[in-house]
């Protein structure tokens, strides 16, 4: 498969998964945003790093 065929599909899936929580439970989504807004930058960066490492791990397992 070509990168330019897989990449748009991957981005589309990110949007689908990101949109599920606000669609299913807007109140929980709003509460989660309120919690994140109160977090310090270092905590948000650690969460982002963990998320990226998790994604890299999944890509490693899949390929």
N, C-alpha and C. Protein backbone atom coordinates (compact mmCIF):
# COMPACT_ATOMS: atom_id res chain seq x y z
N UNK A 1 0.83 -1.19 0.00
CA UNK A 1 0.00 0.00 0.00
C UNK A 1 0.87 1.25 0.00
N UNK A 2 0.41 2.24 -0.67
CA UNK A 2 1.09 3.51 -0.76
C UNK A 2 0.80 4.36 0.48
N UNK A 3 1.80 5.12 0.92
CA UNK A 3 1.64 5.99 2.09
C UNK A 3 0.46 6.93 1.93
N UNK A 4 0.30 7.49 0.75
CA UNK A 4 -0.76 8.48 0.53
C UNK A 4 -2.15 7.86 0.45
N UNK A 5 -2.23 6.54 0.46
CA UNK A 5 -3.53 5.88 0.59
C UNK A 5 -3.83 5.59 2.04
N UNK A 6 -2.82 5.25 2.81
CA UNK A 6 -3.01 4.87 4.21
C UNK A 6 -3.12 6.10 5.11
N UNK A 7 -2.32 7.12 4.85
CA UNK A 7 -2.29 8.30 5.72
C UNK A 7 -3.65 8.97 5.85
N UNK A 8 -4.37 9.27 4.77
CA UNK A 8 -5.69 9.89 4.93
C UNK A 8 -6.67 9.00 5.71
N UNK A 9 -6.56 7.70 5.54
CA UNK A 9 -7.44 6.79 6.29
C UNK A 9 -7.11 6.86 7.78
N UNK A 10 -5.83 6.93 8.11
CA UNK A 10 -5.42 7.02 9.51
C UNK A 10 -5.90 8.33 10.12
N UNK A 11 -5.76 9.43 9.41
CA UNK A 11 -6.23 10.72 9.90
C UNK A 11 -7.75 10.70 10.08
N UNK A 12 -8.44 10.12 9.14
CA UNK A 12 -9.90 10.02 9.24
C UNK A 12 -10.31 9.23 10.48
N UNK A 13 -9.60 8.13 10.77
CA UNK A 13 -9.92 7.35 11.96
C UNK A 13 -9.66 8.14 13.24
N UNK A 14 -8.63 8.96 13.25
CA UNK A 14 -8.38 9.82 14.42
C UNK A 14 -9.58 10.73 14.65
N UNK A 15 -10.09 11.34 13.59
CA UNK A 15 -11.26 12.22 13.73
C UNK A 15 -12.48 11.45 14.20
N UNK A 16 -12.66 10.23 13.72
CA UNK A 16 -13.80 9.41 14.15
C UNK A 16 -13.70 9.13 15.65
N UNK A 17 -12.53 8.67 16.09
CA UNK A 17 -12.37 8.34 17.51
C UNK A 17 -12.44 9.58 18.40
N UNK A 18 -11.86 10.70 17.93
CA UNK A 18 -11.91 11.93 18.71
C UNK A 18 -13.34 12.47 18.81
N UNK A 19 -14.16 12.20 17.83
CA UNK A 19 -15.52 12.72 17.84
C UNK A 19 -16.51 11.84 18.59
N UNK A 20 -16.11 10.64 18.96
CA UNK A 20 -17.05 9.73 19.62
C UNK A 20 -17.49 10.22 21.00
N UNK A 21 -16.56 10.65 21.84
CA UNK A 21 -16.92 11.06 23.20
C UNK A 21 -17.82 12.30 23.21
N UNK A 22 -17.50 13.37 22.45
CA UNK A 22 -18.43 14.50 22.47
C UNK A 22 -19.81 14.16 21.90
N UNK A 23 -19.86 13.21 20.98
CA UNK A 23 -21.15 12.82 20.42
C UNK A 23 -21.95 11.99 21.41
N UNK A 24 -21.28 11.04 22.07
CA UNK A 24 -21.97 10.13 22.97
C UNK A 24 -22.30 10.81 24.30
N UNK A 25 -21.36 11.57 24.84
CA UNK A 25 -21.56 12.17 26.16
C UNK A 25 -20.93 13.56 26.21
N UNK A 26 -21.65 14.57 25.76
CA UNK A 26 -21.10 15.93 25.76
C UNK A 26 -20.73 16.43 27.16
N UNK A 27 -21.50 16.03 28.16
CA UNK A 27 -21.21 16.49 29.53
C UNK A 27 -19.87 15.94 30.02
N UNK A 28 -19.60 14.68 29.77
CA UNK A 28 -18.31 14.10 30.18
C UNK A 28 -17.16 14.73 29.41
N UNK A 29 -17.37 14.99 28.13
CA UNK A 29 -16.35 15.63 27.31
C UNK A 29 -16.02 17.01 27.85
N UNK A 30 -17.05 17.77 28.20
CA UNK A 30 -16.86 19.10 28.78
C UNK A 30 -16.12 19.02 30.11
N UNK A 31 -16.47 18.04 30.94
CA UNK A 31 -15.80 17.86 32.23
C UNK A 31 -14.33 17.48 32.03
N UNK A 32 -14.06 16.63 31.05
CA UNK A 32 -12.68 16.24 30.78
C UNK A 32 -11.87 17.45 30.32
N UNK A 33 -12.47 18.30 29.49
CA UNK A 33 -11.78 19.50 29.04
C UNK A 33 -11.51 20.44 30.21
N UNK A 34 -12.44 20.54 31.14
CA UNK A 34 -12.25 21.39 32.31
C UNK A 34 -11.08 20.89 33.15
N UNK A 35 -10.97 19.58 33.30
CA UNK A 35 -9.87 19.00 34.07
C UNK A 35 -8.53 19.28 33.38
N UNK A 36 -8.49 19.08 32.07
CA UNK A 36 -7.25 19.32 31.32
C UNK A 36 -6.86 20.79 31.38
N UNK A 37 -7.83 21.68 31.34
CA UNK A 37 -7.55 23.12 31.40
C UNK A 37 -6.89 23.50 32.72
N UNK A 38 -7.12 22.75 33.77
CA UNK A 38 -6.55 23.04 35.08
C UNK A 38 -5.17 22.40 35.28
N UNK A 39 -4.78 21.50 34.38
CA UNK A 39 -3.49 20.81 34.52
C UNK A 39 -2.34 21.73 34.14
N UNK A 40 -1.17 21.49 34.75
CA UNK A 40 0.00 22.27 34.38
C UNK A 40 0.60 21.73 33.08
N UNK A 41 1.46 22.54 32.47
CA UNK A 41 2.04 22.18 31.17
C UNK A 41 2.83 20.88 31.22
N UNK A 42 3.58 20.67 32.30
CA UNK A 42 4.40 19.46 32.39
C UNK A 42 3.54 18.20 32.37
N UNK A 43 2.42 18.22 33.06
CA UNK A 43 1.52 17.06 33.07
C UNK A 43 0.93 16.80 31.69
N UNK A 44 0.56 17.85 31.01
CA UNK A 44 -0.01 17.70 29.67
C UNK A 44 1.06 17.16 28.72
N UNK A 45 2.29 17.64 28.87
CA UNK A 45 3.38 17.14 28.01
C UNK A 45 3.65 15.66 28.29
N UNK A 46 3.64 15.26 29.56
CA UNK A 46 3.85 13.84 29.88
C UNK A 46 2.76 12.98 29.28
N UNK A 47 1.52 13.45 29.36
CA UNK A 47 0.41 12.72 28.75
C UNK A 47 0.60 12.62 27.24
N UNK A 48 0.99 13.72 26.61
CA UNK A 48 1.23 13.71 25.17
C UNK A 48 2.36 12.76 24.78
N UNK A 49 3.44 12.77 25.56
CA UNK A 49 4.55 11.87 25.30
C UNK A 49 4.11 10.41 25.45
N UNK A 50 3.36 10.13 26.50
CA UNK A 50 2.86 8.77 26.70
C UNK A 50 1.96 8.33 25.55
N UNK A 51 1.13 9.24 25.09
CA UNK A 51 0.25 8.93 23.98
C UNK A 51 1.04 8.64 22.70
N UNK A 52 2.07 9.45 22.44
CA UNK A 52 2.89 9.22 21.25
C UNK A 52 3.63 7.89 21.35
N UNK A 53 4.19 7.59 22.51
CA UNK A 53 4.91 6.33 22.68
C UNK A 53 3.98 5.13 22.53
N UNK A 54 2.77 5.25 23.04
CA UNK A 54 1.77 4.20 22.88
C UNK A 54 1.47 3.99 21.40
N UNK A 55 1.28 5.08 20.67
CA UNK A 55 1.01 4.98 19.23
C UNK A 55 2.16 4.36 18.47
N UNK A 56 3.40 4.73 18.83
CA UNK A 56 4.57 4.14 18.19
C UNK A 56 4.64 2.64 18.50
N UNK A 57 4.30 2.27 19.73
CA UNK A 57 4.29 0.86 20.10
C UNK A 57 3.28 0.07 19.29
N UNK A 58 2.10 0.63 19.10
CA UNK A 58 1.08 -0.04 18.29
C UNK A 58 1.55 -0.18 16.85
N UNK A 59 2.15 0.90 16.30
CA UNK A 59 2.66 0.81 14.94
C UNK A 59 3.74 -0.25 14.81
N UNK A 60 4.59 -0.36 15.82
CA UNK A 60 5.64 -1.39 15.81
C UNK A 60 5.04 -2.78 15.79
N UNK A 61 3.99 -2.99 16.61
CA UNK A 61 3.35 -4.31 16.66
C UNK A 61 2.62 -4.64 15.36
N UNK A 62 2.01 -3.66 14.76
CA UNK A 62 1.24 -3.89 13.54
C UNK A 62 2.17 -4.17 12.35
N UNK A 63 3.28 -3.48 12.32
CA UNK A 63 4.22 -3.68 11.20
C UNK A 63 5.24 -4.65 11.66
